[in-house]
Amino acid sequence: MYLSTMQQALVSVLTPFKNTADFLPACIKSIQSQTHTFWELIIVDDNSTDNSYEIVNSYAERDPRIKLFKNNGTGIISALRLAFNESKGAFITRMDSDDIMSPDKLQFMLHDLKIHGKGHIALGLVQYFSNSGHLGNGFQRYETWLNKLTIKGDNFKEIYKECAIPSPCWMVYRTDLEACKAFQPERYPEDYDLAFRFYKGQLKCIPSNKVLHQWRDYPDRASRTDEHYSKNHFIPLKIRYFLKLDYDNKRPLALWGAGHKGKMVARKLIANRIPFTWLCNNEKKIGKHIYGQELHSFEYLKTFKQPQCIITVANPEEQTKIVRHLQSSGMKPIEDYYLFC
């Protein structure tokens, strides 16, 4: 009975790595220092050209919980797929090879999952750090936004704005991850795509107010350099899932914003033959046509009955005003309006 309970509490930590020799020792040591000790680290070398493999192997030779593999394909999705296939745990979490876990990260998330049961995602707050002591404003804004959602468990309310599930700071039951098709789709950015599939699977986010993950920022980080994480990949993914999960063709659709992202969304909607009304706040644009679509004042929204609205206005102050305006009309996030930036 004791062994059965322990086996159910095995946590599989899935970690791809590529050329992160400088950071792997700190990452692995943070896993070895966990207060929950019944874990396995399934760590996959994604074609490194430095001595990362040798570093990990030196740890694996001394700790049987560390299981090292070489990617039989190319890219992080292939590496994650291999790691998941080789894992045995009833609970699954991800870890980035250049980051650091707080000592009680696994214990804290595991406890939350056991309390709330299947159909939930355990989360923690994240904290960016840099060896240079300087963080980009974008990362600081993302941390603040993400943690604000996680504290309330409201992550999916702004799923279309950014990746609302921190990619290396979640834990789910294995069966729930399998139901969401784990790492099968070859679709980037893979962390955002998985977040959408968690949302599609109606998993519930468990609120958390504890910092569990130290997220390292540095010039060569993949999110800064890999083309798969370019913002140009985000809009197609958002449109894909919006049309699949939330779009109601029986309701009028409005697109609010005619800047760069607004135009990208408009092109995607037109390509998918989705009718929409284009709104903007810029008086110089109102009445003009872009891609054959006339731009209307936001007041035009009042002429529709039960509209859906995609917001692409990036300016935080303007976005707040728009949300307040929509909420004053009784519109609700994810049900009636969707923040796309």
Protein backbone atom coordinates (compact mmCIF):
# COMPACT_ATOMS: atom_id res chain seq x y z
CA MET A 1 0.00 0.00 0.00
CA TYR A 2 2.84 2.40 0.90
CA LEU A 3 4.69 1.65 -2.34
CA SER A 4 1.49 2.14 -4.33
CA THR A 5 0.96 5.57 -2.77
CA MET A 6 4.58 6.53 -3.43
CA GLN A 7 4.37 5.37 -7.03
CA GLN A 8 1.34 7.56 -7.59
CA ALA A 9 3.35 10.50 -6.28
CA LEU A 10 6.23 10.03 -8.72
CA VAL A 11 6.79 13.33 -10.51
CA SER A 12 8.37 13.25 -13.95
CA VAL A 13 10.33 16.39 -14.77
CA LEU A 14 10.72 16.80 -18.55
CA THR A 15 13.72 18.89 -19.58
CA PRO A 16 15.09 19.40 -23.10
CA PHE A 17 18.46 21.10 -23.38
CA LYS A 18 20.67 22.49 -26.12
CA ASN A 19 23.98 24.26 -25.55
CA THR A 20 23.19 25.35 -21.98
CA ALA A 21 26.41 24.10 -20.40
CA ASP A 22 26.82 27.28 -18.35
CA PHE A 23 23.46 26.82 -16.63
CA LEU A 24 22.85 23.06 -16.39
CA PRO A 25 24.66 22.50 -13.05
CA ALA A 26 22.52 25.09 -11.24
CA CYS A 27 19.37 23.73 -12.87
CA ILE A 28 20.06 20.09 -11.95
CA LYS A 29 21.15 20.95 -8.42
CA SER A 30 17.90 22.85 -7.88
CA ILE A 31 16.01 19.68 -8.84
CA GLN A 32 18.17 17.50 -6.60
CA SER A 33 17.48 19.90 -3.72
CA GLN A 34 13.70 19.47 -3.89
CA THR A 35 11.88 18.77 -0.63
CA HIS A 36 9.79 16.22 -2.57
CA THR A 37 12.43 13.64 -3.40
CA PHE A 38 10.40 11.07 -5.34
CA TRP A 39 11.00 12.44 -8.82
CA GLU A 40 12.65 11.44 -12.07
CA LEU A 41 14.38 13.87 -14.38
CA ILE A 42 13.93 12.86 -18.00
CA ILE A 43 16.45 15.11 -19.69
CA VAL A 44 17.00 15.12 -23.45
CA ASP A 45 19.93 16.52 -25.39
CA ASP A 46 18.57 18.30 -28.47
CA ASN A 47 21.71 18.08 -30.61
CA SER A 48 24.02 20.20 -28.44
CA THR A 49 27.36 21.23 -29.89
CA ASP A 50 28.97 22.22 -26.57
CA ASN A 51 29.77 19.94 -23.60
CA SER A 52 26.22 20.01 -22.21
CA TYR A 53 25.76 16.25 -22.69
CA GLU A 54 28.92 15.44 -20.75
CA ILE A 55 27.86 17.71 -17.90
CA VAL A 56 24.45 16.07 -17.58
CA ASN A 57 25.96 12.61 -17.91
CA SER A 58 28.25 13.29 -14.96
CA TYR A 59 25.16 13.91 -12.82
CA ALA A 60 23.23 10.96 -14.27
CA GLU A 61 26.08 8.58 -13.43
CA ARG A 62 25.78 9.56 -9.75
CA ASP A 63 21.99 9.92 -9.45
CA PRO A 64 19.76 7.15 -10.87
CA ARG A 65 16.76 9.49 -10.84
CA ILE A 66 18.35 11.38 -13.73
CA LYS A 67 17.72 9.65 -17.06
CA LEU A 68 19.61 11.10 -20.00
CA PHE A 69 18.63 10.67 -23.65
CA LYS A 70 19.62 12.09 -27.01
CA ASN A 71 16.90 13.54 -29.21
CA ASN A 72 16.14 11.21 -32.10
CA GLY A 73 14.73 14.15 -34.03
CA THR A 74 15.31 17.89 -34.09
CA GLY A 75 13.76 20.62 -31.99
CA ILE A 76 12.17 21.06 -28.59
CA ILE A 77 8.86 19.38 -29.49
CA SER A 78 10.62 16.21 -30.57
CA ALA A 79 12.74 16.31 -27.39
CA LEU A 80 9.67 16.80 -25.18
CA ARG A 81 7.85 13.99 -26.95
CA LEU A 82 10.76 11.64 -26.29
CA ALA A 83 10.98 12.73 -22.66
CA PHE A 84 7.27 12.16 -22.10
CA ASN A 85 7.37 8.73 -23.75
CA GLU A 86 10.22 7.69 -21.46
CA SER A 87 8.60 9.07 -18.29
CA LYS A 88 6.83 6.94 -15.69
CA GLY A 89 5.33 9.47 -13.28
CA ALA A 90 1.63 9.91 -12.55
CA PHE A 91 2.39 13.66 -12.40
CA ILE A 92 4.13 15.59 -15.17
CA THR A 93 5.95 18.92 -15.10
CA ARG A 94 8.35 20.77 -17.40
CA MET A 95 11.64 22.45 -16.61
CA ASP A 96 13.91 24.64 -18.70
CA SER A 97 17.58 23.72 -18.56
CA ASP A 98 18.71 27.30 -17.93
CA ASP A 99 16.35 27.98 -15.01
CA ILE A 100 16.20 27.23 -11.27
CA MET A 101 13.47 25.62 -9.17
CA SER A 102 12.56 26.92 -5.74
CA PRO A 103 13.30 24.09 -3.23
CA ASP A 104 9.63 23.30 -2.52
CA LYS A 105 8.35 23.68 -6.08
CA LEU A 106 7.48 20.02 -6.69
CA GLN A 107 6.06 19.52 -3.21
CA PHE A 108 3.88 22.63 -3.44
CA MET A 109 2.41 21.84 -6.86
CA LEU A 110 1.95 18.16 -6.04
CA HIS A 111 0.06 19.08 -2.87
CA ASP A 112 -2.24 21.41 -4.84
CA LEU A 113 -3.01 18.70 -7.39
CA LYS A 114 -3.77 16.11 -4.73
CA ILE A 115 -6.11 18.52 -2.97
CA HIS A 116 -7.98 19.61 -6.12
CA GLY A 117 -7.80 16.38 -8.12
CA LYS A 118 -7.75 15.64 -11.81
CA GLY A 119 -8.87 18.27 -14.27
CA HIS A 120 -6.64 20.91 -12.68
CA ILE A 121 -3.31 22.61 -13.40
CA ALA A 122 -0.99 23.41 -10.51
CA LEU A 123 0.90 26.66 -10.99
CA GLY A 124 3.33 28.93 -9.20
CA LEU A 125 4.52 32.49 -9.49
CA VAL A 126 7.62 33.11 -11.61
CA GLN A 127 10.49 35.50 -11.09
CA TYR A 128 12.87 36.60 -13.81
CA PHE A 129 16.54 37.10 -13.03
CA SER A 130 19.66 37.93 -14.99
CA ASN A 131 23.33 37.47 -14.21
CA SER A 132 23.89 40.93 -15.69
CA GLY A 133 21.38 42.40 -13.27
CA HIS A 134 19.40 43.93 -16.13
CA LEU A 135 16.01 42.67 -17.30
CA GLY A 136 14.25 43.79 -20.44
CA ASN A 137 11.02 45.72 -19.93
CA GLY A 138 9.13 43.09 -21.91
CA PHE A 139 10.10 40.32 -19.50
CA GLN A 140 9.24 42.45 -16.49
CA ARG A 141 5.80 43.26 -17.89
CA TYR A 142 5.20 39.61 -18.74
CA GLU A 143 6.15 38.50 -15.22
CA THR A 144 3.81 41.06 -13.63
CA TRP A 145 0.93 40.18 -15.94
CA LEU A 146 1.39 36.42 -15.59
CA ASN A 147 1.68 36.46 -11.80
CA LYS A 148 -1.37 38.69 -11.46
CA LEU A 149 -3.41 36.05 -13.29
CA THR A 150 -1.89 33.12 -11.41
CA ILE A 151 -2.64 34.60 -7.98
CA LYS A 152 -6.35 34.38 -8.82
CA GLY A 153 -6.21 31.33 -11.09
CA ASP A 154 -7.59 33.54 -13.88
CA ASN A 155 -4.97 32.52 -16.44
CA PHE A 156 -7.41 31.46 -19.13
CA LYS A 157 -9.34 34.75 -18.97
CA GLU A 158 -6.50 36.34 -20.97
CA ILE A 159 -5.30 33.28 -22.90
CA TYR A 160 -5.46 35.16 -26.22
CA LYS A 161 -3.20 37.96 -24.99
CA GLU A 162 -0.04 35.96 -24.30
CA CYS A 163 0.92 32.46 -23.20
CA ALA A 164 -0.96 32.52 -19.88
CA ILE A 165 0.53 29.29 -18.51
CA PRO A 166 4.23 29.65 -17.54
CA SER A 167 5.91 27.03 -19.71
CA PRO A 168 8.32 25.67 -17.05
CA CYS A 169 6.04 26.17 -14.01
CA TRP A 170 3.03 23.90 -14.28
CA MET A 171 2.16 20.40 -13.16
CA VAL A 172 -0.73 18.16 -14.24
CA TYR A 173 -1.89 14.60 -13.84
CA ARG A 174 -0.41 12.41 -16.54
CA THR A 175 -3.88 11.36 -17.69
CA ASP A 176 -4.89 14.99 -18.17
CA LEU A 177 -1.80 15.70 -20.28
CA GLU A 178 -2.51 12.61 -22.38
CA ALA A 179 -6.11 13.76 -22.87
CA CYS A 180 -4.72 17.08 -24.19
CA LYS A 181 -2.49 15.12 -26.64
CA ALA A 182 0.68 16.04 -24.72
CA PHE A 183 3.44 16.98 -27.18
CA GLN A 184 2.01 15.37 -30.31
CA PRO A 185 1.19 18.41 -32.46
CA GLU A 186 4.23 19.75 -34.33
CA ARG A 187 3.09 23.30 -33.72
CA TYR A 188 5.08 26.29 -32.49
CA PRO A 189 5.29 28.09 -30.16
CA GLU A 190 4.79 24.76 -28.41
CA ASP A 191 4.22 26.16 -24.91
CA TYR A 192 1.46 28.48 -26.09
CA ASP A 193 -0.13 25.72 -28.15
CA LEU A 194 -0.19 23.44 -25.10
CA ALA A 195 -1.72 26.22 -23.02
CA PHE A 196 -4.53 26.48 -25.57
CA ARG A 197 -5.04 22.72 -25.42
CA PHE A 198 -5.25 22.88 -21.62
CA TYR A 199 -7.89 25.56 -22.13
CA LYS A 200 -9.67 23.43 -24.72
CA GLY A 201 -9.62 20.51 -22.28
CA GLN A 202 -11.32 22.73 -19.69
CA LEU A 203 -8.62 22.20 -17.09
CA LYS A 204 -8.95 24.58 -14.15
CA CYS A 205 -6.03 26.67 -12.91
CA ILE A 206 -5.28 26.39 -9.19
CA PRO A 207 -4.52 29.85 -7.74
CA SER A 208 -1.04 30.28 -6.30
CA ASN A 209 0.70 33.13 -4.49
CA LYS A 210 4.09 31.47 -4.04
CA VAL A 211 7.19 32.04 -6.20
CA LEU A 212 8.22 28.57 -7.39
CA HIS A 213 10.37 29.23 -10.43
CA GLN A 214 13.38 31.41 -11.21
CA TRP A 215 13.30 32.26 -14.93
CA ARG A 216 16.70 33.21 -16.34
CA ASP A 217 16.96 35.98 -18.90
CA TYR A 218 20.05 36.25 -21.08
CA PRO A 219 20.80 37.34 -24.67
CA ASP A 220 20.88 33.83 -26.19
CA ARG A 221 17.69 32.55 -24.56
CA ALA A 222 15.56 30.70 -27.13
CA SER A 223 12.56 32.98 -26.59
CA ARG A 224 14.77 35.85 -27.78
CA THR A 225 16.54 34.16 -30.70
CA ASP A 226 14.50 31.22 -32.04
CA GLU A 227 12.27 32.13 -34.99
CA HIS A 228 9.58 29.80 -33.62
CA TYR A 229 8.94 32.29 -30.81
CA SER A 230 8.63 35.30 -33.07
CA LYS A 231 5.48 37.35 -32.43
CA ASN A 232 4.50 36.62 -36.04
CA HIS A 233 3.75 33.04 -34.99
CA PHE A 234 1.42 34.11 -32.19
CA ILE A 235 -1.41 35.68 -34.22
CA PRO A 236 -2.01 32.60 -36.45
CA LEU A 237 -2.11 30.41 -33.33
CA LYS A 238 -4.57 32.74 -31.59
CA ILE A 239 -6.85 32.90 -34.64
CA ARG A 240 -6.68 29.13 -35.05
CA TYR A 241 -7.92 28.49 -31.53
CA PHE A 242 -10.37 31.39 -31.43
CA LEU A 243 -12.16 30.08 -34.51
CA LYS A 244 -12.10 26.55 -33.13
CA LEU A 245 -13.06 27.22 -29.51
CA ASP A 246 -14.77 30.58 -29.05
CA TYR A 247 -16.04 32.01 -32.31
CA ASP A 248 -19.83 31.94 -32.64
CA ASN A 249 -20.89 32.46 -36.24
CA LYS A 250 -24.39 33.31 -35.07
CA ARG A 251 -23.08 36.46 -33.38
CA PRO A 252 -21.60 39.54 -35.12
CA LEU A 253 -17.82 39.80 -34.81
CA ALA A 254 -16.00 43.10 -34.31
CA LEU A 255 -12.26 43.71 -34.60
CA TRP A 256 -11.10 46.68 -32.51
CA GLY A 257 -7.76 48.16 -33.55
CA ALA A 258 -6.13 48.93 -36.89
CA GLY A 259 -2.45 48.87 -35.96
CA HIS A 260 0.08 46.22 -36.99
CA LYS A 261 -1.55 43.39 -35.02
CA GLY A 262 -5.04 44.51 -35.98
CA LYS A 263 -4.08 44.26 -39.63
CA MET A 264 -2.57 40.81 -39.09
CA VAL A 265 -5.80 39.60 -37.47
CA ALA A 266 -7.86 41.19 -40.23
CA ARG A 267 -5.86 39.37 -42.91
CA LYS A 268 -6.35 36.06 -41.12
CA LEU A 269 -10.08 36.59 -40.73
CA ILE A 270 -10.40 37.53 -44.39
CA ALA A 271 -8.36 34.49 -45.42
CA ASN A 272 -10.73 32.31 -43.38
CA ARG A 273 -13.75 34.09 -44.88
CA ILE A 274 -14.94 35.25 -41.47
CA PRO A 275 -17.18 38.35 -41.69
CA PHE A 276 -16.31 41.12 -39.24
CA THR A 277 -16.77 44.81 -38.57
CA TRP A 278 -13.58 46.82 -38.08
CA LEU A 279 -13.51 49.43 -35.30
CA CYS A 280 -10.86 51.96 -34.35
CA ASN A 281 -10.33 55.01 -32.15
CA ASN A 282 -8.22 56.92 -34.67
CA GLU A 283 -10.38 59.61 -36.25
CA LYS A 284 -7.99 59.84 -39.21
CA LYS A 285 -8.71 56.20 -40.10
CA ILE A 286 -12.47 56.14 -39.52
CA GLY A 287 -14.31 55.93 -42.85
CA LYS A 288 -11.27 54.68 -44.74
CA HIS A 289 -10.90 51.19 -46.16
CA ILE A 290 -8.15 48.64 -45.49
CA TYR A 291 -8.22 45.30 -47.34
CA GLY A 292 -11.65 46.35 -48.62
CA GLN A 293 -12.99 46.70 -45.05
CA GLU A 294 -14.38 50.03 -43.86
CA LEU A 295 -13.19 51.30 -40.49
CA HIS A 296 -15.92 52.46 -38.12
CA SER A 297 -16.02 54.40 -34.88
CA PHE A 298 -16.24 52.24 -31.75
CA GLU A 299 -19.73 53.67 -31.24
CA TYR A 300 -20.80 51.47 -34.16
CA LEU A 301 -20.58 48.47 -31.83
CA LYS A 302 -23.82 49.61 -30.16
CA THR A 303 -25.76 48.74 -33.32
CA PHE A 304 -25.05 45.02 -32.87
CA LYS A 305 -26.91 42.54 -30.73
CA GLN A 306 -24.66 40.28 -28.58
CA PRO A 307 -21.43 40.96 -30.48
CA GLN A 308 -18.09 39.26 -29.98
CA CYS A 309 -15.09 41.58 -29.99
CA ILE A 310 -11.39 40.95 -30.64
CA ILE A 311 -9.20 43.71 -29.16
CA THR A 312 -5.80 44.33 -30.76
CA VAL A 313 -5.04 47.74 -29.26
CA ALA A 314 -1.69 47.33 -27.50
CA ASN A 315 -1.46 50.61 -25.58
CA PRO A 316 -2.19 49.66 -21.94
CA GLU A 317 -4.13 52.83 -21.12
CA GLU A 318 -6.27 52.62 -24.26
CA GLN A 319 -6.81 48.93 -23.70
CA THR A 320 -8.05 49.59 -20.15
CA LYS A 321 -10.49 52.19 -21.47
CA ILE A 322 -11.78 49.76 -24.08
CA VAL A 323 -12.28 46.98 -21.54
CA ARG A 324 -14.14 49.33 -19.20
CA HIS A 325 -16.35 50.46 -22.08
CA LEU A 326 -17.19 46.87 -23.01
CA GLN A 327 -17.79 45.83 -19.41
CA SER A 328 -20.12 48.80 -18.91
CA SER A 329 -22.20 47.28 -21.71
CA GLY A 330 -22.33 43.96 -19.87
CA MET A 331 -19.67 42.21 -21.96
CA LYS A 332 -17.46 39.62 -20.23
CA PRO A 333 -13.91 38.39 -20.95
CA ILE A 334 -13.64 35.14 -22.93
CA GLU A 335 -17.42 35.10 -23.36
CA ASP A 336 -17.83 38.36 -25.27
CA TYR A 337 -14.44 40.02 -25.74
CA TYR A 338 -10.93 38.69 -26.28
CA LEU A 339 -7.64 40.51 -25.68
CA PHE A 340 -5.27 39.66 -28.50
CA CYS A 341 -2.37 41.80 -27.28
